[in-house]
Amino acid sequence: MAEKIDTDLEALRSDIGKMRSDLTSLSETLQSLVRHGGSEAYDKLRESAERVKDEVWKTGQSLSKEIEGRPVASAVTAFIAGMILGALFSRRS
């Protein structure tokens, strides 16, 4: 019993250490934001969001072309995937 408590306490100490590290990182980010202004942070965030949007668009277009190129294979794959997901989720109920 004492070993379990020691193990749990050590895990808790480790988690607290990780949280401190995360909070320190967050604090540094916020300090940087205050120093450099919100406008710069907003611009970086907007640029990142635009890059992600462009990448998603390109991936979607590529996937769309692939599906259009092989409609039967795509339909069969979607049907099989649906059957597998249906079987998995019906077991959980």
PDB file of N, CA and C in Angstrom:
ATOM      1  N   MET A   1       0.823  -1.194   0.000  1.00  0.00           N
ATOM      2  CA  MET A   1       0.000   0.000   0.000  1.00  0.00           C
ATOM      3  C   MET A   1       0.868   1.260   0.000  1.00  0.00           C
ATOM      4  N   ALA A   2       1.915   1.232   0.825  1.00  0.00           N
ATOM      5  CA  ALA A   2       2.804   2.400   0.904  1.00  0.00           C
ATOM      6  C   ALA A   2       3.526   2.616  -0.416  1.00  0.00           C
ATOM      7  N   GLU A   3       3.865   1.514  -1.118  1.00  0.00           N
ATOM      8  CA  GLU A   3       4.549   1.646  -2.404  1.00  0.00           C
ATOM      9  C   GLU A   3       3.639   2.310  -3.430  1.00  0.00           C
ATOM     10  N   LYS A   4       2.360   1.959  -3.408  1.00  0.00           N
ATOM     11  CA  LYS A   4       1.401   2.560  -4.340  1.00  0.00           C
ATOM     12  C   LYS A   4       1.271   4.052  -4.076  1.00  0.00           C
ATOM     13  N   ILE A   5       1.208   4.407  -2.818  1.00  0.00           N
ATOM     14  CA  ILE A   5       1.105   5.820  -2.456  1.00  0.00           C
ATOM     15  C   ILE A   5       2.351   6.569  -2.912  1.00  0.00           C
ATOM     16  N   ASP A   6       3.529   5.962  -2.705  1.00  0.00           N
ATOM     17  CA  ASP A   6       4.776   6.601  -3.149  1.00  0.00           C
ATOM     18  C   ASP A   6       4.798   6.768  -4.668  1.00  0.00           C
ATOM     19  N   THR A   7       4.330   5.738  -5.363  1.00  0.00           N
ATOM     20  CA  THR A   7       4.280   5.804  -6.825  1.00  0.00           C
ATOM     21  C   THR A   7       3.329   6.901  -7.285  1.00  0.00           C
ATOM     22  N   ASP A   8       2.154   6.968  -6.653  1.00  0.00           N
ATOM     23  CA  ASP A   8       1.181   8.004  -6.998  1.00  0.00           C
ATOM     24  C   ASP A   8       1.724   9.397  -6.711  1.00  0.00           C
ATOM     25  N   LEU A   9       2.404   9.556  -5.589  1.00  0.00           N
ATOM     26  CA  LEU A   9       2.985  10.857  -5.248  1.00  0.00           C
ATOM     27  C   LEU A   9       4.064  11.255  -6.244  1.00  0.00           C
ATOM     28  N   GLU A  10       4.871  10.290  -6.658  1.00  0.00           N
ATOM     29  CA  GLU A  10       5.914  10.584  -7.642  1.00  0.00           C
ATOM     30  C   GLU A  10       5.296  10.988  -8.977  1.00  0.00           C
ATOM     31  N   ALA A  11       4.231  10.306  -9.380  1.00  0.00           N
ATOM     32  CA  ALA A  11       3.536  10.664 -10.617  1.00  0.00           C
ATOM     33  C   ALA A  11       2.946  12.061 -10.502  1.00  0.00           C
ATOM     34  N   LEU A  12       2.379  12.379  -9.350  1.00  0.00           N
ATOM     35  CA  LEU A  12       1.807  13.708  -9.118  1.00  0.00           C
ATOM     36  C   LEU A  12       2.899  14.776  -9.178  1.00  0.00           C
ATOM     37  N   ARG A  13       4.040  14.506  -8.576  1.00  0.00           N
ATOM     38  CA  ARG A  13       5.161  15.456  -8.624  1.00  0.00           C
ATOM     39  C   ARG A  13       5.600  15.684 -10.067  1.00  0.00           C
ATOM     40  N   SER A  14       5.665  14.607 -10.827  1.00  0.00           N
ATOM     41  CA  SER A  14       6.052  14.716 -12.230  1.00  0.00           C
ATOM     42  C   SER A  14       5.046  15.562 -13.013  1.00  0.00           C
ATOM     43  N   ASP A  15       3.760  15.316 -12.791  1.00  0.00           N
ATOM     44  CA  ASP A  15       2.719  16.096 -13.472  1.00  0.00           C
ATOM     45  C   ASP A  15       2.782  17.565 -13.087  1.00  0.00           C
ATOM     46  N   ILE A  16       3.037  17.838 -11.829  1.00  0.00           N
ATOM     47  CA  ILE A  16       3.149  19.231 -11.370  1.00  0.00           C
ATOM     48  C   ILE A  16       4.350  19.900 -12.035  1.00  0.00           C
ATOM     49  N   GLY A  17       5.457  19.159 -12.171  1.00  0.00           N
ATOM     50  CA  GLY A  17       6.638  19.698 -12.846  1.00  0.00           C
ATOM     51  C   GLY A  17       6.342  20.039 -14.294  1.00  0.00           C
ATOM     52  N   LYS A  18       5.597  19.166 -14.982  1.00  0.00           N
ATOM     53  CA  LYS A  18       5.225  19.421 -16.368  1.00  0.00           C
ATOM     54  C   LYS A  18       4.313  20.646 -16.469  1.00  0.00           C
ATOM     55  N   MET A  19       3.377  20.757 -15.520  1.00  0.00           N
ATOM     56  CA  MET A  19       2.475  21.912 -15.534  1.00  0.00           C
ATOM     57  C   MET A  19       3.255  23.195 -15.303  1.00  0.00           C
ATOM     58  N   ARG A  20       4.231  23.163 -14.404  1.00  0.00           N
ATOM     59  CA  ARG A  20       5.054  24.357 -14.169  1.00  0.00           C
ATOM     60  C   ARG A  20       5.790  24.754 -15.440  1.00  0.00           C
ATOM     61  N   SER A  21       6.331  23.747 -16.134  1.00  0.00           N
ATOM     62  CA  SER A  21       7.035  24.011 -17.381  1.00  0.00           C
ATOM     63  C   SER A  21       6.099  24.620 -18.420  1.00  0.00           C
ATOM     64  N   ASP A  22       4.894  24.057 -18.535  1.00  0.00           N
ATOM     65  CA  ASP A  22       3.913  24.577 -19.488  1.00  0.00           C
ATOM     66  C   ASP A  22       3.507  26.001 -19.132  1.00  0.00           C
ATOM     67  N   LEU A  23       3.300  26.271 -17.852  1.00  0.00           N
ATOM     68  CA  LEU A  23       2.922  27.615 -17.426  1.00  0.00           C
ATOM     69  C   LEU A  23       4.049  28.614 -17.679  1.00  0.00           C
ATOM     70  N   THR A  24       5.290  28.175 -17.488  1.00  0.00           N
ATOM     71  CA  THR A  24       6.432  29.045 -17.761  1.00  0.00           C
ATOM     72  C   THR A  24       6.477  29.383 -19.242  1.00  0.00           C
ATOM     73  N   SER A  25       6.265  28.381 -20.088  1.00  0.00           N
ATOM     74  CA  SER A  25       6.257  28.605 -21.534  1.00  0.00           C
ATOM     75  C   SER A  25       5.131  29.553 -21.929  1.00  0.00           C
ATOM     76  N   LEU A  26       3.955  29.351 -21.363  1.00  0.00           N
ATOM     77  CA  LEU A  26       2.819  30.228 -21.642  1.00  0.00           C
ATOM     78  C   LEU A  26       3.114  31.648 -21.192  1.00  0.00           C
ATOM     79  N   SER A  27       3.715  31.783 -20.017  1.00  0.00           N
ATOM     80  CA  SER A  27       4.062  33.101 -19.497  1.00  0.00           C
ATOM     81  C   SER A  27       5.049  33.805 -20.423  1.00  0.00           C
ATOM     82  N   GLU A  28       6.050  33.073 -20.905  1.00  0.00           N
ATOM     83  CA  GLU A  28       7.025  33.672 -21.820  1.00  0.00           C
ATOM     84  C   GLU A  28       6.357  34.108 -23.123  1.00  0.00           C
ATOM     85  N   THR A  29       5.427  33.295 -23.603  1.00  0.00           N
ATOM     86  CA  THR A  29       4.706  33.649 -24.829  1.00  0.00           C
ATOM     87  C   THR A  29       3.889  34.913 -24.625  1.00  0.00           C
ATOM     88  N   LEU A  30       3.194  34.998 -23.502  1.00  0.00           N
ATOM     89  CA  LEU A  30       2.389  36.184 -23.216  1.00  0.00           C
ATOM     90  C   LEU A  30       3.268  37.424 -23.049  1.00  0.00           C
ATOM     91  N   GLN A  31       4.418  37.255 -22.394  1.00  0.00           N
ATOM     92  CA  GLN A  31       5.330  38.389 -22.231  1.00  0.00           C
ATOM     93  C   GLN A  31       5.838  38.864 -23.589  1.00  0.00           C
ATOM     94  N   SER A  32       6.150  37.910 -24.464  1.00  0.00           N
ATOM     95  CA  SER A  32       6.599  38.259 -25.811  1.00  0.00           C
ATOM     96  C   SER A  32       5.499  38.990 -26.564  1.00  0.00           C
ATOM     97  N   LEU A  33       4.265  38.528 -26.392  1.00  0.00           N
ATOM     98  CA  LEU A  33       3.128  39.166 -27.043  1.00  0.00           C
ATOM     99  C   LEU A  33       2.984  40.614 -26.580  1.00  0.00           C
ATOM    100  N   VAL A  34       3.128  40.828 -25.285  1.00  0.00           N
ATOM    101  CA  VAL A  34       3.005  42.183 -24.746  1.00  0.00           C
ATOM    102  C   VAL A  34       4.146  43.063 -25.254  1.00  0.00           C
ATOM    103  N   ARG A  35       5.362  42.509 -25.293  1.00  0.00           N
ATOM    104  CA  ARG A  35       6.518  43.289 -25.754  1.00  0.00           C
ATOM    105  C   ARG A  35       6.411  43.668 -27.224  1.00  0.00           C
ATOM    106  N   HIS A  36       5.976  42.707 -28.049  1.00  0.00           N
ATOM    107  CA  HIS A  36       5.981  42.936 -29.490  1.00  0.00           C
ATOM    108  C   HIS A  36       4.640  43.416 -30.024  1.00  0.00           C
ATOM    109  N   GLY A  37       3.674  43.434 -29.188  1.00  0.00           N
ATOM    110  CA  GLY A  37       2.379  43.937 -29.596  1.00  0.00           C
ATOM    111  C   GLY A  37       1.479  42.869 -30.175  1.00  0.00           C
ATOM    112  N   GLY A  38       0.210  43.089 -30.005  1.00  0.00           N
ATOM    113  CA  GLY A  38      -0.782  42.137 -30.472  1.00  0.00           C
ATOM    114  C   GLY A  38      -0.870  42.069 -31.979  1.00  0.00           C
ATOM    115  N   SER A  39      -0.540  43.152 -32.641  1.00  0.00           N
ATOM    116  CA  SER A  39      -0.643  43.197 -34.087  1.00  0.00           C
ATOM    117  C   SER A  39       0.292  42.177 -34.738  1.00  0.00           C
ATOM    118  N   GLU A  40       1.516  42.092 -34.229  1.00  0.00           N
ATOM    119  CA  GLU A  40       2.481  41.138 -34.782  1.00  0.00           C
ATOM    120  C   GLU A  40       2.016  39.706 -34.537  1.00  0.00           C
ATOM    121  N   ALA A  41       1.510  39.448 -33.346  1.00  0.00           N
ATOM    122  CA  ALA A  41       1.019  38.106 -33.035  1.00  0.00           C
ATOM    123  C   ALA A  41      -0.175  37.757 -33.916  1.00  0.00           C
ATOM    124  N   TYR A  42      -1.051  38.726 -34.125  1.00  0.00           N
ATOM    125  CA  TYR A  42      -2.217  38.503 -34.981  1.00  0.00           C
ATOM    126  C   TYR A  42      -1.775  38.191 -36.406  1.00  0.00           C
ATOM    127  N   ASP A  43      -0.781  38.930 -36.898  1.00  0.00           N
ATOM    128  CA  ASP A  43      -0.285  38.693 -38.254  1.00  0.00           C
ATOM    129  C   ASP A  43       0.304  37.291 -38.392  1.00  0.00           C
ATOM    130  N   LYS A  44       1.072  36.860 -37.385  1.00  0.00           N
ATOM    131  CA  LYS A  44       1.654  35.516 -37.431  1.00  0.00           C
ATOM    132  C   LYS A  44       0.554  34.454 -37.387  1.00  0.00           C
ATOM    133  N   LEU A  45      -0.432  34.674 -36.552  1.00  0.00           N
ATOM    134  CA  LEU A  45      -1.539  33.730 -36.452  1.00  0.00           C
ATOM    135  C   LEU A  45      -2.310  33.664 -37.761  1.00  0.00           C
ATOM    136  N   ARG A  46      -2.558  34.809 -38.380  1.00  0.00           N
ATOM    137  CA  ARG A  46      -3.274  34.859 -39.649  1.00  0.00           C
ATOM    138  C   ARG A  46      -2.487  34.147 -40.742  1.00  0.00           C
ATOM    139  N   GLU A  47      -1.184  34.375 -40.790  1.00  0.00           N
ATOM    140  CA  GLU A  47      -0.341  33.710 -41.784  1.00  0.00           C
ATOM    141  C   GLU A  47      -0.364  32.194 -41.590  1.00  0.00           C
ATOM    142  N   SER A  48      -0.290  31.761 -40.342  1.00  0.00           N
ATOM    143  CA  SER A  48      -0.331  30.327 -40.060  1.00  0.00           C
ATOM    144  C   SER A  48      -1.670  29.733 -40.470  1.00  0.00           C
ATOM    145  N   ALA A  49      -2.750  30.436 -40.160  1.00  0.00           N
ATOM    146  CA  ALA A  49      -4.078  29.952 -40.517  1.00  0.00           C
ATOM    147  C   ALA A  49      -4.237  29.881 -42.037  1.00  0.00           C
ATOM    148  N   GLU A  50      -3.686  30.844 -42.746  1.00  0.00           N
ATOM    149  CA  GLU A  50      -3.762  30.833 -44.210  1.00  0.00           C
ATOM    150  C   GLU A  50      -2.968  29.665 -44.796  1.00  0.00           C
ATOM    151  N   ARG A  51      -1.798  29.385 -44.214  1.00  0.00           N
ATOM    152  CA  ARG A  51      -1.018  28.245 -44.687  1.00  0.00           C
ATOM    153  C   ARG A  51      -1.771  26.939 -44.458  1.00  0.00           C
ATOM    154  N   VAL A  52      -2.381  26.802 -43.295  1.00  0.00           N
ATOM    155  CA  VAL A  52      -3.158  25.589 -43.006  1.00  0.00           C
ATOM    156  C   VAL A  52      -4.336  25.482 -43.962  1.00  0.00           C
ATOM    157  N   LYS A  53      -5.036  26.591 -44.185  1.00  0.00           N
ATOM    158  CA  LYS A  53      -6.175  26.588 -45.103  1.00  0.00           C
ATOM    159  C   LYS A  53      -5.744  26.183 -46.505  1.00  0.00           C
ATOM    160  N   ASP A  54      -4.629  26.747 -46.969  1.00  0.00           N
ATOM    161  CA  ASP A  54      -4.129  26.398 -48.305  1.00  0.00           C
ATOM    162  C   ASP A  54      -3.759  24.924 -48.392  1.00  0.00           C
ATOM    163  N   GLU A  55      -3.136  24.403 -47.354  1.00  0.00           N
ATOM    164  CA  GLU A  55      -2.742  22.996 -47.354  1.00  0.00           C
ATOM    165  C   GLU A  55      -3.969  22.085 -47.347  1.00  0.00           C
ATOM    166  N   VAL A  56      -4.973  22.447 -46.564  1.00  0.00           N
ATOM    167  CA  VAL A  56      -6.215  21.665 -46.537  1.00  0.00           C
ATOM    168  C   VAL A  56      -6.897  21.723 -47.898  1.00  0.00           C
ATOM    169  N   TRP A  57      -6.907  22.893 -48.519  1.00  0.00           N
ATOM    170  CA  TRP A  57      -7.525  23.045 -49.837  1.00  0.00           C
ATOM    171  C   TRP A  57      -6.820  22.154 -50.862  1.00  0.00           C
ATOM    172  N   LYS A  58      -5.479  22.190 -50.869  1.00  0.00           N
ATOM    173  CA  LYS A  58      -4.721  21.375 -51.815  1.00  0.00           C
ATOM    174  C   LYS A  58      -4.981  19.887 -51.583  1.00  0.00           C
ATOM    175  N   THR A  59      -4.993  19.476 -50.328  1.00  0.00           N
ATOM    176  CA  THR A  59      -5.248  18.068 -50.008  1.00  0.00           C
ATOM    177  C   THR A  59      -6.651  17.675 -50.432  1.00  0.00           C
ATOM    178  N   GLY A  60      -7.617  18.538 -50.166  1.00  0.00           N
ATOM    179  CA  GLY A  60      -9.001  18.262 -50.567  1.00  0.00           C
ATOM    180  C   GLY A  60      -9.143  18.157 -52.070  1.00  0.00           C
ATOM    181  N   GLN A  61      -8.495  19.057 -52.810  1.00  0.00           N
ATOM    182  CA  GLN A  61      -8.545  19.001 -54.264  1.00  0.00           C
ATOM    183  C   GLN A  61      -7.914  17.718 -54.798  1.00  0.00           C
ATOM    184  N   SER A  62      -6.793  17.345 -54.221  1.00  0.00           N
ATOM    185  CA  SER A  62      -6.109  16.123 -54.639  1.00  0.00           C
ATOM    186  C   SER A  62      -6.971  14.904 -54.366  1.00  0.00           C
ATOM    187  N   LEU A  63      -7.570  14.872 -53.186  1.00  0.00           N
ATOM    188  CA  LEU A  63      -8.438  13.751 -52.830  1.00  0.00           C
ATOM    189  C   LEU A  63      -9.669  13.715 -53.733  1.00  0.00           C
ATOM    190  N   SER A  64     -10.220  14.881 -54.026  1.00  0.00           N
ATOM    191  CA  SER A  64     -11.387  14.957 -54.900  1.00  0.00           C
ATOM    192  C   SER A  64     -11.064  14.426 -56.294  1.00  0.00           C
ATOM    193  N   LYS A  65      -9.914  14.802 -56.833  1.00  0.00           N
ATOM    194  CA  LYS A  65      -9.508  14.314 -58.152  1.00  0.00           C
ATOM    195  C   LYS A  65      -9.293  12.802 -58.139  1.00  0.00           C
ATOM    196  N   GLU A  66      -8.720  12.319 -57.046  1.00  0.00           N
ATOM    197  CA  GLU A  66      -8.485  10.878 -56.937  1.00  0.00           C
ATOM    198  C   GLU A  66      -9.811  10.111 -56.874  1.00  0.00           C
ATOM    199  N   ILE A  67     -10.766  10.639 -56.136  1.00  0.00           N
ATOM    200  CA  ILE A  67     -12.075   9.997 -56.029  1.00  0.00           C
ATOM    201  C   ILE A  67     -12.795  10.024 -57.372  1.00  0.00           C
ATOM    202  N   GLU A  68     -12.726  11.154 -58.067  1.00  0.00           N
ATOM    203  CA  GLU A  68     -13.371  11.265 -59.372  1.00  0.00           C
ATOM    204  C   GLU A  68     -12.727  10.320 -60.384  1.00  0.00           C
ATOM    205  N   GLY A  69     -11.431  10.090 -60.228  1.00  0.00           N
ATOM    206  CA  GLY A  69     -10.720   9.220 -61.143  1.00  0.00           C
ATOM    207  C   GLY A  69     -11.041   7.748 -60.954  1.00  0.00           C
ATOM    208  N   ARG A  70     -11.427   7.387 -59.731  1.00  0.00           N
ATOM    209  CA  ARG A  70     -11.738   5.993 -59.443  1.00  0.00           C
ATOM    210  C   ARG A  70     -13.028   5.905 -58.636  1.00  0.00           C
ATOM    211  N   PRO A  71     -14.169   6.193 -59.245  1.00  0.00           N
ATOM    212  CA  PRO A  71     -15.410   6.236 -58.482  1.00  0.00           C
ATOM    213  C   PRO A  71     -15.818   4.884 -57.894  1.00  0.00           C
ATOM    214  N   VAL A  72     -15.616   3.791 -58.615  1.00  0.00           N
ATOM    215  CA  VAL A  72     -16.036   2.478 -58.111  1.00  0.00           C
ATOM    216  C   VAL A  72     -15.177   2.071 -56.927  1.00  0.00           C
ATOM    217  N   ALA A  73     -13.866   2.213 -57.076  1.00  0.00           N
ATOM    218  CA  ALA A  73     -12.966   1.858 -55.976  1.00  0.00           C
ATOM    219  C   ALA A  73     -13.236   2.726 -54.750  1.00  0.00           C
ATOM    220  N   SER A  74     -13.499   4.006 -54.982  1.00  0.00           N
ATOM    221  CA  SER A  74     -13.786   4.918 -53.872  1.00  0.00           C
ATOM    222  C   SER A  74     -15.089   4.545 -53.177  1.00  0.00           C
ATOM    223  N   ALA A  75     -16.095   4.198 -53.943  1.00  0.00           N
ATOM    224  CA  ALA A  75     -17.381   3.824 -53.360  1.00  0.00           C
ATOM    225  C   ALA A  75     -17.256   2.542 -52.555  1.00  0.00           C
ATOM    226  N   VAL A  76     -16.521   1.579 -53.085  1.00  0.00           N
ATOM    227  CA  VAL A  76     -16.333   0.316 -52.367  1.00  0.00           C
ATOM    228  C   VAL A  76     -15.548   0.559 -51.081  1.00  0.00           C
ATOM    229  N   THR A  77     -14.511   1.362 -51.158  1.00  0.00           N
ATOM    230  CA  THR A  77     -13.717   1.681 -49.974  1.00  0.00           C
ATOM    231  C   THR A  77     -14.576   2.382 -48.925  1.00  0.00           C
ATOM    232  N   ALA A  78     -15.376   3.353 -49.333  1.00  0.00           N
ATOM    233  CA  ALA A  78     -16.246   4.070 -48.396  1.00  0.00           C
ATOM    234  C   ALA A  78     -17.269   3.115 -47.774  1.00  0.00           C
ATOM    235  N   PHE A  79     -17.811   2.209 -48.576  1.00  0.00           N
ATOM    236  CA  PHE A  79     -18.788   1.243 -48.071  1.00  0.00           C
ATOM    237  C   PHE A  79     -18.153   0.327 -47.026  1.00  0.00           C
ATOM    238  N   ILE A  80     -16.968  -0.194 -47.334  1.00  0.00           N
ATOM    239  CA  ILE A  80     -16.281  -1.091 -46.395  1.00  0.00           C
ATOM    240  C   ILE A  80     -15.918  -0.350 -45.116  1.00  0.00           C
ATOM    241  N   ALA A  81     -15.425   0.882 -45.255  1.00  0.00           N
ATOM    242  CA  ALA A  81     -15.088   1.678 -44.067  1.00  0.00           C
ATOM    243  C   ALA A  81     -16.334   1.916 -43.221  1.00  0.00           C
ATOM    244  N   GLY A  82     -17.463   2.196 -43.871  1.00  0.00           N
ATOM    245  CA  GLY A  82     -18.718   2.392 -43.142  1.00  0.00           C
ATOM    246  C   GLY A  82     -19.157   1.132 -42.427  1.00  0.00           C
ATOM    247  N   MET A  83     -18.998  -0.013 -43.064  1.00  0.00           N
ATOM    248  CA  MET A  83     -19.367  -1.289 -42.438  1.00  0.00           C
ATOM    249  C   MET A  83     -18.490  -1.561 -41.215  1.00  0.00           C
ATOM    250  N   ILE A  84     -17.204  -1.294 -41.342  1.00  0.00           N
ATOM    251  CA  ILE A  84     -16.284  -1.519 -40.217  1.00  0.00           C
ATOM    252  C   ILE A  84     -16.629  -0.591 -39.065  1.00  0.00           C
ATOM    253  N   LEU A  85     -16.848   0.692 -39.368  1.00  0.00           N
ATOM    254  CA  LEU A  85     -17.205   1.642 -38.296  1.00  0.00           C
ATOM    255  C   LEU A  85     -18.548   1.272 -37.671  1.00  0.00           C
ATOM    256  N   GLY A  86     -19.505   0.862 -38.492  1.00  0.00           N
ATOM    257  CA  GLY A  86     -20.792   0.446 -37.956  1.00  0.00           C
ATOM    258  C   GLY A  86     -20.661  -0.744 -37.033  1.00  0.00           C
ATOM    259  N   ALA A  87     -19.826  -1.706 -37.411  1.00  0.00           N
ATOM    260  CA  ALA A  87     -19.621  -2.886 -36.573  1.00  0.00           C
ATOM    261  C   ALA A  87     -18.931  -2.508 -35.267  1.00  0.00           C
ATOM    262  N   LEU A  88     -17.941  -1.628 -35.351  1.00  0.00           N
ATOM    263  CA  LEU A  88     -17.228  -1.210 -34.141  1.00  0.00           C
ATOM    264  C   LEU A  88     -18.139  -0.460 -33.170  1.00  0.00           C
ATOM    265  N   PHE A  89     -18.922   0.455 -33.706  1.00  0.00           N
ATOM    266  CA  PHE A  89     -19.760   1.273 -32.828  1.00  0.00           C
ATOM    267  C   PHE A  89     -20.999   0.518 -32.352  1.00  0.00           C
ATOM    268  N   SER A  90     -21.462  -0.467 -33.094  1.00  0.00           N
ATOM    269  CA  SER A  90     -22.620  -1.224 -32.626  1.00  0.00           C
ATOM    270  C   SER A  90     -22.238  -2.123 -31.463  1.00  0.00           C
ATOM    271  N   ARG A  91     -20.988  -2.516 -31.368  1.00  0.00           N
ATOM    272  CA  ARG A  91     -20.521  -3.324 -30.241  1.00  0.00           C
ATOM    273  C   ARG A  91     -20.440  -2.510 -28.962  1.00  0.00           C
ATOM    274  N   ARG A  92     -20.207  -1.227 -29.080  1.00  0.00           N
ATOM    275  CA  ARG A  92     -20.088  -0.357 -27.900  1.00  0.00           C
ATOM    276  C   ARG A  92     -21.439  -0.097 -27.251  1.00  0.00           C
ATOM    277  N   SER A  93     -22.490  -0.180 -28.014  1.00  0.00           N
ATOM    278  CA  SER A  93     -23.821   0.164 -27.494  1.00  0.00           C
ATOM    279  C   SER A  93     -24.338  -0.856 -26.545  1.00  0.00           C
TER     280      SER A  93
END
